[in-house]
Amino acid sequence: MIVSATTAWLTLLRPGRLRMTRPTLFYLGPDGGLPKKERPSVPKVYVRTLLFSTAKRGNLIENMYVTVRRGETRQNFNVWVYRQNGQLSRGSGLYVSQDGVALDHHFLLPSDGSRFEFIAGDYSVEVFAKLVGKSRPLLLSTVSAHLSANVAEEATENGGGVFFDWGPDRGSYYASTRPIPVTDDSVVPLTAAVSILDGILSDPGPRRER
C-alpha cells in the first residue's frame, strides 16, 4: 500500500517544475509585417523555445514577460502573445505538460508610453513565467548576446531588427539583420493583433492582410 501511494505521488501527483530550453533564436527590433514608413516603431522581443514540466502533473502558466537589460538600462516587455498551430493568442493561460510545448513567443512594450531603442551594446534577456497559485514570477532563462555598432546601424538603415542565432560550436549567439518581409511568419505584425485581441482598435489606419 505504501509502495503504491509512493508510486502514485511520484508519477501522478507530485508537482513538476517548469523548465525552458535554450532559445536557438531570438529577435530584438521593431514589430514587423509592414514597410517602415507604414508602421509605428514598436519594439518587440521574439523567442522560439520549448517549455516543459519535469513531472507528469504539468504546470499552468498564468502569464509571461521578458526583461531586457543593456548596461544600466532595464525594460520589461509584458504584453505576451504566442503563436500555436498558426493562430495568434493573447497570453492568458497556457498548460505545459511533461511532453512540452514549442511556441513562438512575442513580447511587446506596455501601452503606458514606455520607449526602448535597441542600440549597440551587451544585452541580456530574462524570461519570466507567473504560475497559477504562485505569488512570485519564476525566472526560466537568461540569454546574453552582443549587438555590435555595425549590425545595429544596418538594422536601422533597412528598417528591420536583429536576429540572434545560437552557435553551439562556439557557445554563443551571433547577430544578423535583414529587412522584415510582410509574409515573414517568424516576426509578425502584432501591434494591431494585440488591439484586436483586447477588443481595442488603437490604430484606425490601414492594415495589410498577411
Protein backbone atom coordinates (compact mmCIF):
# COMPACT_ATOMS: atom_id res chain seq x y z
CA MET A 1 0.00 0.00 0.00
CA ILE A 2 2.80 2.38 0.94
CA VAL A 3 4.66 1.49 -2.25
CA SER A 4 1.54 2.16 -4.36
CA ALA A 5 0.96 5.51 -2.66
CA THR A 6 4.57 6.50 -3.20
CA THR A 7 4.43 5.48 -6.86
CA ALA A 8 1.22 7.46 -7.36
CA TRP A 9 2.82 10.51 -5.76
CA LEU A 10 5.97 10.33 -7.87
CA THR A 11 4.20 9.67 -11.17
CA LEU A 12 0.82 11.44 -10.96
CA LEU A 13 0.53 13.80 -8.01
CA ARG A 14 3.97 15.29 -7.49
CA PRO A 15 4.02 18.85 -8.87
CA GLY A 16 6.67 19.28 -11.52
CA ARG A 17 8.92 22.23 -12.15
CA LEU A 18 8.54 24.39 -15.22
CA ARG A 19 11.61 24.42 -17.43
CA MET A 20 12.61 26.09 -20.69
CA THR A 21 15.17 25.05 -23.29
CA ARG A 22 17.77 27.50 -24.53
CA PRO A 23 16.29 29.54 -27.39
CA THR A 24 18.03 28.74 -30.65
CA LEU A 25 16.74 32.04 -32.00
CA PHE A 26 15.58 35.32 -30.53
CA TYR A 27 14.85 38.69 -32.09
CA LEU A 28 15.17 42.29 -30.94
CA GLY A 29 13.67 45.03 -33.05
CA PRO A 30 10.52 46.71 -34.33
CA ASP A 31 7.23 44.91 -34.69
CA GLY A 32 7.30 43.60 -38.27
CA GLY A 33 4.99 42.99 -41.18
CA LEU A 34 4.66 46.45 -42.71
CA PRO A 35 7.16 48.70 -44.51
CA LYS A 36 8.98 51.08 -42.18
CA LYS A 37 7.05 54.15 -43.35
CA GLU A 38 3.69 52.46 -42.70
CA ARG A 39 4.23 51.14 -39.18
CA PRO A 40 4.94 52.76 -35.84
CA SER A 41 8.29 51.94 -34.28
CA VAL A 42 7.02 49.46 -31.67
CA PRO A 43 9.87 47.47 -30.09
CA LYS A 44 9.39 43.75 -29.69
CA VAL A 45 11.19 40.68 -28.37
CA TYR A 46 10.59 37.35 -30.12
CA VAL A 47 11.69 33.99 -28.65
CA ARG A 48 11.30 30.49 -30.07
CA THR A 49 11.65 27.86 -27.35
CA LEU A 50 10.28 24.70 -25.74
CA LEU A 51 8.55 24.83 -22.37
CA PHE A 52 8.17 21.57 -20.42
CA SER A 53 7.34 20.23 -16.97
CA THR A 54 9.61 17.91 -15.01
CA ALA A 55 6.64 15.82 -13.80
CA LYS A 56 3.50 14.28 -15.28
CA ARG A 57 1.22 16.67 -13.43
CA GLY A 58 2.34 19.62 -15.55
CA ASN A 59 2.19 23.37 -14.91
CA LEU A 60 -0.31 26.11 -15.69
CA ILE A 61 1.19 29.43 -16.74
CA GLU A 62 -0.88 32.50 -15.94
CA ASN A 63 1.33 34.98 -17.74
CA MET A 64 4.81 35.53 -19.15
CA TYR A 65 7.06 38.51 -19.73
CA VAL A 66 10.68 39.33 -20.54
CA THR A 67 13.10 41.81 -19.05
CA VAL A 68 15.72 43.28 -21.38
CA ARG A 69 18.89 44.71 -19.87
CA ARG A 70 21.60 46.77 -21.55
CA GLY A 71 24.16 48.18 -19.16
CA GLU A 72 22.25 50.12 -16.52
CA THR A 73 19.09 50.22 -18.68
CA ARG A 74 16.26 47.85 -17.85
CA GLN A 75 12.89 47.43 -19.58
CA ASN A 76 10.03 44.95 -19.13
CA PHE A 77 8.12 43.71 -22.19
CA ASN A 78 4.95 42.45 -20.52
CA VAL A 79 2.42 42.15 -23.35
CA TRP A 80 2.61 38.43 -24.16
CA VAL A 81 1.30 36.88 -27.39
CA TYR A 82 2.10 33.38 -28.63
CA ARG A 83 1.56 31.52 -31.89
CA GLN A 84 0.22 27.97 -31.77
CA ASN A 85 -0.95 25.95 -34.79
CA GLY A 86 -0.76 29.06 -36.93
CA GLN A 87 -3.03 31.07 -34.63
CA LEU A 88 -2.10 34.11 -32.54
CA SER A 89 -3.36 34.08 -28.96
CA ARG A 90 -3.04 36.73 -26.30
CA GLY A 91 -1.23 35.02 -23.46
CA SER A 92 -3.67 34.48 -20.61
CA GLY A 93 -3.15 30.89 -19.55
CA LEU A 94 -1.09 28.05 -21.01
CA TYR A 95 -0.88 24.45 -19.79
CA VAL A 96 2.57 22.89 -20.10
CA SER A 97 2.81 19.12 -19.88
CA GLN A 98 5.75 16.81 -19.36
CA ASP A 99 5.94 16.34 -23.14
CA GLY A 100 6.45 20.08 -23.55
CA VAL A 101 5.12 22.68 -25.96
CA ALA A 102 7.20 24.56 -28.56
CA LEU A 103 5.82 28.01 -29.36
CA ASP A 104 6.72 31.36 -30.86
CA HIS A 105 6.55 33.89 -28.03
CA HIS A 106 6.20 37.60 -28.81
CA PHE A 107 6.59 40.28 -26.13
CA LEU A 108 5.62 43.92 -26.66
CA LEU A 109 6.01 47.05 -24.58
CA PRO A 110 3.13 48.01 -22.28
CA SER A 111 0.81 50.73 -23.56
CA ASP A 112 1.93 53.23 -20.92
CA GLY A 113 4.17 55.35 -23.13
CA SER A 114 7.29 53.26 -22.49
CA ARG A 115 10.02 53.52 -25.11
CA PHE A 116 13.05 51.39 -25.79
CA GLU A 117 15.68 51.51 -28.50
CA PHE A 118 17.85 48.55 -29.48
CA ILE A 119 21.23 50.26 -29.85
CA ALA A 120 24.71 48.74 -29.78
CA GLY A 121 25.73 47.08 -26.54
CA ASP A 122 25.69 43.94 -24.43
CA TYR A 123 22.19 42.57 -23.88
CA SER A 124 20.63 40.08 -21.53
CA VAL A 125 17.07 38.82 -21.97
CA GLU A 126 15.39 37.28 -18.92
CA VAL A 127 12.26 35.19 -19.49
CA PHE A 128 9.77 35.01 -16.61
CA ALA A 129 6.59 32.99 -16.07
CA LYS A 130 3.89 33.60 -13.47
CA LEU A 131 2.36 30.26 -12.44
CA VAL A 132 -1.20 29.88 -11.20
CA GLY A 133 -1.23 29.79 -7.41
CA LYS A 134 2.25 31.27 -7.05
CA SER A 135 2.83 34.81 -5.82
CA ARG A 136 6.21 35.39 -7.42
CA PRO A 137 7.22 35.05 -11.08
CA LEU A 138 9.66 32.29 -11.97
CA LEU A 139 12.85 33.09 -13.88
CA LEU A 140 13.02 30.47 -16.63
CA SER A 141 16.04 31.55 -18.64
CA THR A 142 18.61 34.29 -19.16
CA VAL A 143 20.30 34.67 -22.54
CA SER A 144 23.09 37.11 -23.28
CA ALA A 145 24.38 38.46 -26.58
CA HIS A 146 26.38 41.34 -28.01
CA LEU A 147 24.95 43.76 -30.57
CA SER A 148 27.75 45.45 -32.47
CA ALA A 149 27.56 49.01 -33.75
CA ASN A 150 27.76 47.81 -37.37
CA VAL A 151 24.83 45.40 -37.04
CA ALA A 152 22.76 47.94 -35.10
CA GLU A 153 23.37 50.57 -37.80
CA GLU A 154 22.48 48.11 -40.56
CA ALA A 155 19.23 47.21 -38.80
CA THR A 156 18.31 50.88 -38.54
CA GLU A 157 19.05 51.51 -42.21
CA ASN A 158 16.99 48.60 -43.56
CA GLY A 159 14.09 49.08 -41.15
CA GLY A 160 14.42 45.60 -39.68
CA GLY A 161 15.55 44.09 -36.43
CA VAL A 162 18.36 41.86 -35.24
CA PHE A 163 18.16 38.06 -35.17
CA PHE A 164 20.38 36.21 -32.70
CA ASP A 165 21.12 32.60 -33.65
CA TRP A 166 22.69 30.20 -31.18
CA GLY A 167 26.03 28.75 -32.30
CA PRO A 168 26.54 25.50 -30.33
CA ASP A 169 30.05 25.13 -31.68
CA ARG A 170 31.24 28.33 -30.03
CA GLY A 171 28.69 28.53 -27.22
CA SER A 172 27.34 31.99 -28.01
CA TYR A 173 24.84 33.87 -30.14
CA TYR A 174 25.74 35.61 -33.39
CA ALA A 175 23.74 38.55 -34.67
CA SER A 176 22.43 39.20 -38.17
CA THR A 177 19.92 41.59 -39.66
CA ARG A 178 17.62 41.67 -42.66
CA PRO A 179 14.52 43.58 -43.73
CA ILE A 180 11.30 42.04 -42.45
CA PRO A 181 9.04 40.96 -45.33
CA VAL A 182 5.27 41.22 -44.99
CA THR A 183 4.92 37.43 -45.24
CA ASP A 184 7.60 36.61 -42.66
CA ASP A 185 5.84 34.30 -40.16
CA SER A 186 8.64 34.45 -37.62
CA VAL A 187 8.13 38.14 -36.90
CA VAL A 188 4.52 39.11 -37.44
CA PRO A 189 2.77 42.48 -37.06
CA LEU A 190 1.36 42.18 -33.56
CA THR A 191 0.52 45.77 -32.70
CA ALA A 192 -2.83 45.53 -34.48
CA ALA A 193 -3.30 41.90 -33.47
CA VAL A 194 -2.99 42.71 -29.77
CA SER A 195 -5.50 45.54 -30.12
CA ILE A 196 -7.98 43.21 -31.79
CA LEU A 197 -7.46 40.51 -29.19
CA ASP A 198 -8.03 43.07 -26.45
CA GLY A 199 -11.10 44.42 -28.22
CA ILE A 200 -9.44 47.81 -28.60
CA LEU A 201 -8.60 49.09 -32.07
CA SER A 202 -5.88 51.51 -31.12
CA ASP A 203 -4.74 52.09 -34.71
CA PRO A 204 -7.59 53.03 -37.09
CA GLY A 205 -5.24 53.36 -40.05
CA PRO A 206 -4.98 50.92 -42.98
CA ARG A 207 -3.61 47.44 -42.35
CA ARG A 208 -2.40 44.80 -44.72
CA GLU A 209 -3.63 41.26 -44.73
CA ARG A 210 -0.93 38.71 -44.10
